[in-house]
Amino acid sequence: MQFLVMVGELSRFAGRVIVEAFRPPYEFRETVRQLFELGCRSVPLIAASGFAVGVVLSMHTRASLARFGAEALIPAGLAMALVRETGPLTAGLLLSGRIGAGIGAELGAMKVTEQIDALEATAVDSFRYLVVTRVIACVIALPLLTTVMNVMGILGGFAAETAITGVPMRTYFRQAFSPIQFSDLIPATLKTMVFGFIIATAASYLGVNTTRGTEGVGQASTRSVVLSSMLLILANVLLVRIIFFFYPA
């Protein structure tokens, strides 16, 4: 019963976020600041992780395709795997940890120290200023960060391949990008906008409903990561099915 209550409250919270996001006035300055904090500061993590994922995928792909003498398909297979699924999902899960925990802890601390009440007392719409700006920033940042992960993953695959076979960069990237079409790139990247909405909304919901002082702040941070990751994985299954419906090829 308590689970159903939380689902209902979270759904209502998400609906309010959508409504407020399209209703003026808009907090442009705070949104840009959150975009820098949540997006730009996540680039090193995403870039390093993407490069490592590319190296690992390249090695595993080589080990599998070498059995069939299909080593020439390694660049294309790696690029398709990164662009269509591995890149978006990995970026989403990584950012659900970094961004989700950060938003949950920050808003939770503001809640228990009554800073949110202080904003309301000064005639500031705390929901729009604290929640909507973070959600918009995440929705914008996730596709950009996913693109960074895809590029770094392909670079990582190239580094692994050139270390083993000495393949030229031009040849590798021509083989990697030749099978990729907009029907592969655009839907997979845009679905990360949904991931950004899920991460920021779930973390903000748990943050603004924090109780029990500093203990509650820690729990809000942990629960934000767990909840956003679970919702992200479930949403990914649904979104993949929707993408296959509109792009069956």
Protein backbone atom coordinates (compact mmCIF):
# COMPACT_ATOMS: atom_id res chain seq x y z
CA MET A 1 0.00 0.00 0.00
CA GLN A 2 2.79 2.40 0.88
CA PHE A 3 4.47 1.59 -2.43
CA LEU A 4 1.32 2.51 -4.36
CA VAL A 5 1.05 5.75 -2.42
CA MET A 6 4.63 6.64 -3.35
CA VAL A 7 3.98 5.81 -7.01
CA GLY A 8 0.95 8.08 -7.02
CA GLU A 9 2.77 10.93 -5.31
CA LEU A 10 5.76 10.59 -7.62
CA SER A 11 3.49 10.60 -10.67
CA ARG A 12 1.72 13.72 -9.45
CA PHE A 13 5.10 15.31 -8.73
CA ALA A 14 6.30 14.50 -12.27
CA GLY A 15 3.10 15.91 -13.76
CA ARG A 16 3.59 19.14 -11.85
CA VAL A 17 7.17 19.37 -13.12
CA ILE A 18 5.95 19.08 -16.73
CA VAL A 19 3.28 21.74 -16.23
CA GLU A 20 5.59 24.19 -14.46
CA ALA A 21 8.36 23.71 -17.03
CA PHE A 22 6.19 25.31 -19.74
CA ARG A 23 4.71 28.05 -17.57
CA PRO A 24 6.49 31.44 -17.30
CA PRO A 25 8.39 33.04 -15.70
CA TYR A 26 11.46 30.96 -16.49
CA GLU A 27 14.52 30.75 -14.26
CA PHE A 28 17.11 30.97 -17.04
CA ARG A 29 20.05 31.93 -14.85
CA GLU A 30 19.50 29.11 -12.38
CA THR A 31 18.90 26.63 -15.21
CA VAL A 32 22.22 27.58 -16.82
CA ARG A 33 23.98 27.24 -13.48
CA GLN A 34 22.49 23.79 -12.95
CA LEU A 35 23.41 22.83 -16.50
CA PHE A 36 27.01 23.65 -15.69
CA GLU A 37 26.95 21.87 -12.33
CA LEU A 38 25.14 18.76 -13.50
CA GLY A 39 26.34 18.61 -17.09
CA CYS A 40 29.77 20.16 -17.57
CA ARG A 41 31.14 18.76 -14.32
CA SER A 42 30.07 15.27 -15.41
CA VAL A 43 32.10 15.35 -18.64
CA PRO A 44 35.33 13.90 -17.14
CA LEU A 45 33.44 10.96 -15.62
CA ILE A 46 31.54 10.25 -18.83
CA ALA A 47 34.59 10.66 -21.07
CA ALA A 48 36.80 8.36 -18.99
CA SER A 49 34.04 5.77 -18.61
CA GLY A 50 33.20 5.88 -22.31
CA PHE A 51 36.83 5.33 -23.30
CA ALA A 52 37.13 2.38 -20.92
CA VAL A 53 33.86 0.87 -22.14
CA GLY A 54 35.06 1.19 -25.74
CA VAL A 55 38.32 -0.62 -24.96
CA VAL A 56 36.54 -3.45 -23.14
CA LEU A 57 33.86 -3.85 -25.81
CA SER A 58 36.51 -3.93 -28.51
CA MET A 59 38.44 -6.70 -26.76
CA HIS A 60 35.34 -8.78 -26.11
CA THR A 61 34.04 -8.24 -29.65
CA ARG A 62 37.38 -9.29 -31.11
CA ALA A 63 37.41 -12.44 -29.00
CA SER A 64 33.96 -13.38 -30.29
CA LEU A 65 34.27 -12.44 -33.97
CA ALA A 66 37.76 -13.91 -34.34
CA ARG A 67 36.20 -17.39 -34.09
CA PHE A 68 34.34 -16.73 -37.35
CA GLY A 69 37.08 -14.78 -39.12
CA ALA A 70 35.00 -11.60 -38.99
CA GLU A 71 37.50 -9.21 -37.41
CA ALA A 72 36.68 -6.63 -40.10
CA LEU A 73 33.25 -6.16 -38.52
CA ILE A 74 34.65 -5.09 -35.14
CA PRO A 75 34.50 -1.29 -35.75
CA ALA A 76 30.94 -1.42 -37.08
CA GLY A 77 29.73 -3.75 -34.33
CA LEU A 78 31.30 -1.64 -31.62
CA ALA A 79 29.86 1.60 -32.97
CA MET A 80 26.37 0.12 -33.37
CA ALA A 81 26.41 -1.33 -29.86
CA LEU A 82 27.53 1.98 -28.35
CA VAL A 83 25.17 4.23 -30.27
CA ARG A 84 22.03 2.14 -30.02
CA GLU A 85 22.14 0.84 -26.45
CA THR A 86 25.38 0.65 -24.48
CA GLY A 87 26.19 4.36 -24.62
CA PRO A 88 22.77 5.75 -23.59
CA LEU A 89 22.15 3.15 -20.87
CA THR A 90 25.65 3.35 -19.39
CA ALA A 91 25.60 7.14 -19.39
CA GLY A 92 22.18 7.14 -17.74
CA LEU A 93 23.22 4.74 -15.00
CA LEU A 94 26.45 6.62 -14.31
CA LEU A 95 24.62 9.92 -14.09
CA SER A 96 21.87 8.47 -11.94
CA GLY A 97 24.62 7.86 -9.41
CA ARG A 98 26.36 11.21 -9.69
CA ILE A 99 23.43 13.52 -10.42
CA GLY A 100 20.75 11.59 -8.53
CA ALA A 101 22.78 11.42 -5.34
CA GLY A 102 23.77 15.07 -5.63
CA ILE A 103 20.25 16.38 -6.15
CA GLY A 104 18.79 14.17 -3.44
CA ALA A 105 21.41 15.20 -0.88
CA GLU A 106 21.33 18.90 -1.79
CA LEU A 107 17.56 19.29 -1.71
CA GLY A 108 17.32 17.04 1.34
CA ALA A 109 19.78 19.24 3.23
CA MET A 110 17.86 22.34 2.20
CA LYS A 111 14.63 20.74 3.40
CA VAL A 112 15.85 19.73 6.86
CA THR A 113 17.61 23.08 7.42
CA GLU A 114 14.41 24.93 6.40
CA GLN A 115 16.09 26.74 3.50
CA ILE A 116 13.17 25.80 1.25
CA ASP A 117 10.78 27.41 3.71
CA ALA A 118 13.01 30.50 3.72
CA LEU A 119 12.72 30.75 -0.06
CA GLU A 120 8.95 30.54 0.17
CA ALA A 121 8.97 33.28 2.80
CA THR A 122 10.78 35.59 0.37
CA ALA A 123 8.09 35.04 -2.30
CA VAL A 124 10.25 32.68 -4.39
CA ASP A 125 8.53 29.69 -5.94
CA SER A 126 10.82 27.03 -4.49
CA PHE A 127 9.42 24.27 -6.70
CA ARG A 128 10.16 26.16 -9.88
CA TYR A 129 13.52 27.47 -8.65
CA LEU A 130 14.88 24.25 -7.14
CA VAL A 131 13.14 21.40 -8.94
CA VAL A 132 12.14 22.54 -12.42
CA THR A 133 15.53 24.09 -13.16
CA ARG A 134 17.32 20.87 -12.24
CA VAL A 135 14.97 18.76 -14.34
CA ILE A 136 15.38 20.99 -17.40
CA ALA A 137 19.16 20.98 -16.96
CA CYS A 138 19.23 17.17 -16.81
CA VAL A 139 16.97 16.82 -19.84
CA ILE A 140 19.36 19.02 -21.84
CA ALA A 141 22.58 17.54 -20.42
CA LEU A 142 21.89 13.81 -20.84
CA PRO A 143 21.81 13.72 -24.68
CA LEU A 144 24.99 15.81 -24.85
CA LEU A 145 26.78 13.61 -22.32
CA THR A 146 25.60 10.49 -24.12
CA THR A 147 27.13 11.83 -27.31
CA VAL A 148 30.40 12.37 -25.44
CA MET A 149 30.29 8.78 -24.19
CA ASN A 150 29.63 7.42 -27.68
CA VAL A 151 32.52 9.37 -29.19
CA MET A 152 34.93 8.40 -26.42
CA GLY A 153 33.79 4.78 -26.64
CA ILE A 154 34.58 4.66 -30.35
CA LEU A 155 37.95 6.30 -29.64
CA GLY A 156 38.60 3.67 -26.98
CA GLY A 157 37.76 0.94 -29.47
CA PHE A 158 40.15 2.49 -31.97
CA ALA A 159 42.91 2.65 -29.35
CA ALA A 160 42.44 -1.04 -28.56
CA GLU A 161 42.33 -2.07 -32.21
CA THR A 162 45.30 -0.01 -33.33
CA ALA A 163 47.34 -1.41 -30.44
CA ILE A 164 46.60 -4.97 -31.62
CA THR A 165 46.43 -4.69 -35.42
CA GLY A 166 47.80 -1.23 -36.22
CA VAL A 167 44.67 -0.32 -38.21
CA PRO A 168 44.82 3.25 -39.63
CA MET A 169 42.50 5.82 -38.06
CA ARG A 170 40.81 6.68 -41.35
CA THR A 171 40.04 3.04 -42.12
CA TYR A 172 38.74 2.35 -38.63
CA PHE A 173 36.37 5.32 -38.48
CA ARG A 174 35.10 4.73 -42.02
CA GLN A 175 34.19 1.17 -41.08
CA ALA A 176 32.73 2.29 -37.74
CA PHE A 177 30.40 4.98 -39.09
CA SER A 178 29.41 3.38 -42.40
CA PRO A 179 26.46 1.34 -41.00
CA ILE A 180 25.14 4.05 -38.65
CA GLN A 181 22.06 5.94 -39.83
CA PHE A 182 19.92 8.65 -38.29
CA SER A 183 17.35 5.99 -37.39
CA ASP A 184 20.02 4.50 -35.13
CA LEU A 185 21.46 7.72 -33.69
CA ILE A 186 18.54 10.07 -33.12
CA PRO A 187 16.04 7.83 -31.25
CA ALA A 188 18.72 6.31 -29.02
CA THR A 189 20.10 9.74 -28.12
CA LEU A 190 16.73 11.40 -27.61
CA LYS A 191 15.57 8.69 -25.24
CA THR A 192 18.24 9.93 -22.86
CA MET A 193 16.12 13.07 -22.48
CA VAL A 194 13.59 10.78 -20.80
CA PHE A 195 16.42 9.37 -18.69
CA GLY A 196 17.35 12.90 -17.60
CA PHE A 197 13.76 13.65 -16.67
CA ILE A 198 13.49 10.44 -14.65
CA ILE A 199 16.76 10.96 -12.77
CA ALA A 200 16.12 14.57 -11.83
CA THR A 201 12.44 14.08 -10.99
CA ALA A 202 12.97 11.02 -8.78
CA ALA A 203 15.90 12.63 -6.95
CA SER A 204 14.07 15.92 -6.47
CA TYR A 205 10.97 14.15 -5.18
CA LEU A 206 12.96 12.28 -2.54
CA GLY A 207 14.98 15.39 -1.70
CA VAL A 208 12.07 17.74 -1.04
CA ASN A 209 10.28 15.06 1.01
CA THR A 210 13.25 14.38 3.28
CA THR A 211 12.60 14.03 7.01
CA ARG A 212 14.56 13.06 10.16
CA GLY A 213 17.47 15.47 9.85
CA THR A 214 20.90 14.42 8.63
CA GLU A 215 19.97 10.74 8.70
CA GLY A 216 17.16 11.49 6.30
CA VAL A 217 19.55 13.37 3.99
CA GLY A 218 21.77 10.30 3.69
CA GLN A 219 18.78 8.08 3.03
CA ALA A 220 17.43 10.50 0.43
CA SER A 221 20.75 10.43 -1.39
CA THR A 222 20.92 6.63 -1.41
CA ARG A 223 17.27 6.16 -2.32
CA SER A 224 17.63 8.67 -5.16
CA VAL A 225 20.31 6.55 -6.80
CA VAL A 226 18.37 3.31 -6.32
CA LEU A 227 15.00 4.66 -7.44
CA SER A 228 16.30 6.58 -10.46
CA SER A 229 18.38 3.59 -11.61
CA MET A 230 15.43 1.19 -11.34
CA LEU A 231 13.07 3.56 -13.15
CA LEU A 232 15.70 4.20 -15.81
CA ILE A 233 16.13 0.49 -16.54
CA LEU A 234 12.37 -0.07 -16.71
CA ALA A 235 11.92 2.98 -18.94
CA ASN A 236 14.71 1.76 -21.20
CA VAL A 237 12.87 -1.51 -21.86
CA LEU A 238 9.72 0.40 -22.81
CA LEU A 239 11.56 2.97 -24.93
CA VAL A 240 13.48 0.30 -26.85
CA ARG A 241 10.18 -1.37 -27.67
CA ILE A 242 8.73 1.95 -28.84
CA ILE A 243 11.80 2.65 -30.99
CA PHE A 244 11.54 -0.78 -32.62
CA PHE A 245 7.86 -0.08 -33.33
CA PHE A 246 8.61 3.15 -35.21
CA TYR A 247 11.96 1.98 -36.66
CA PRO A 248 11.50 -1.76 -37.23
CA ALA A 249 14.61 -2.03 -39.40
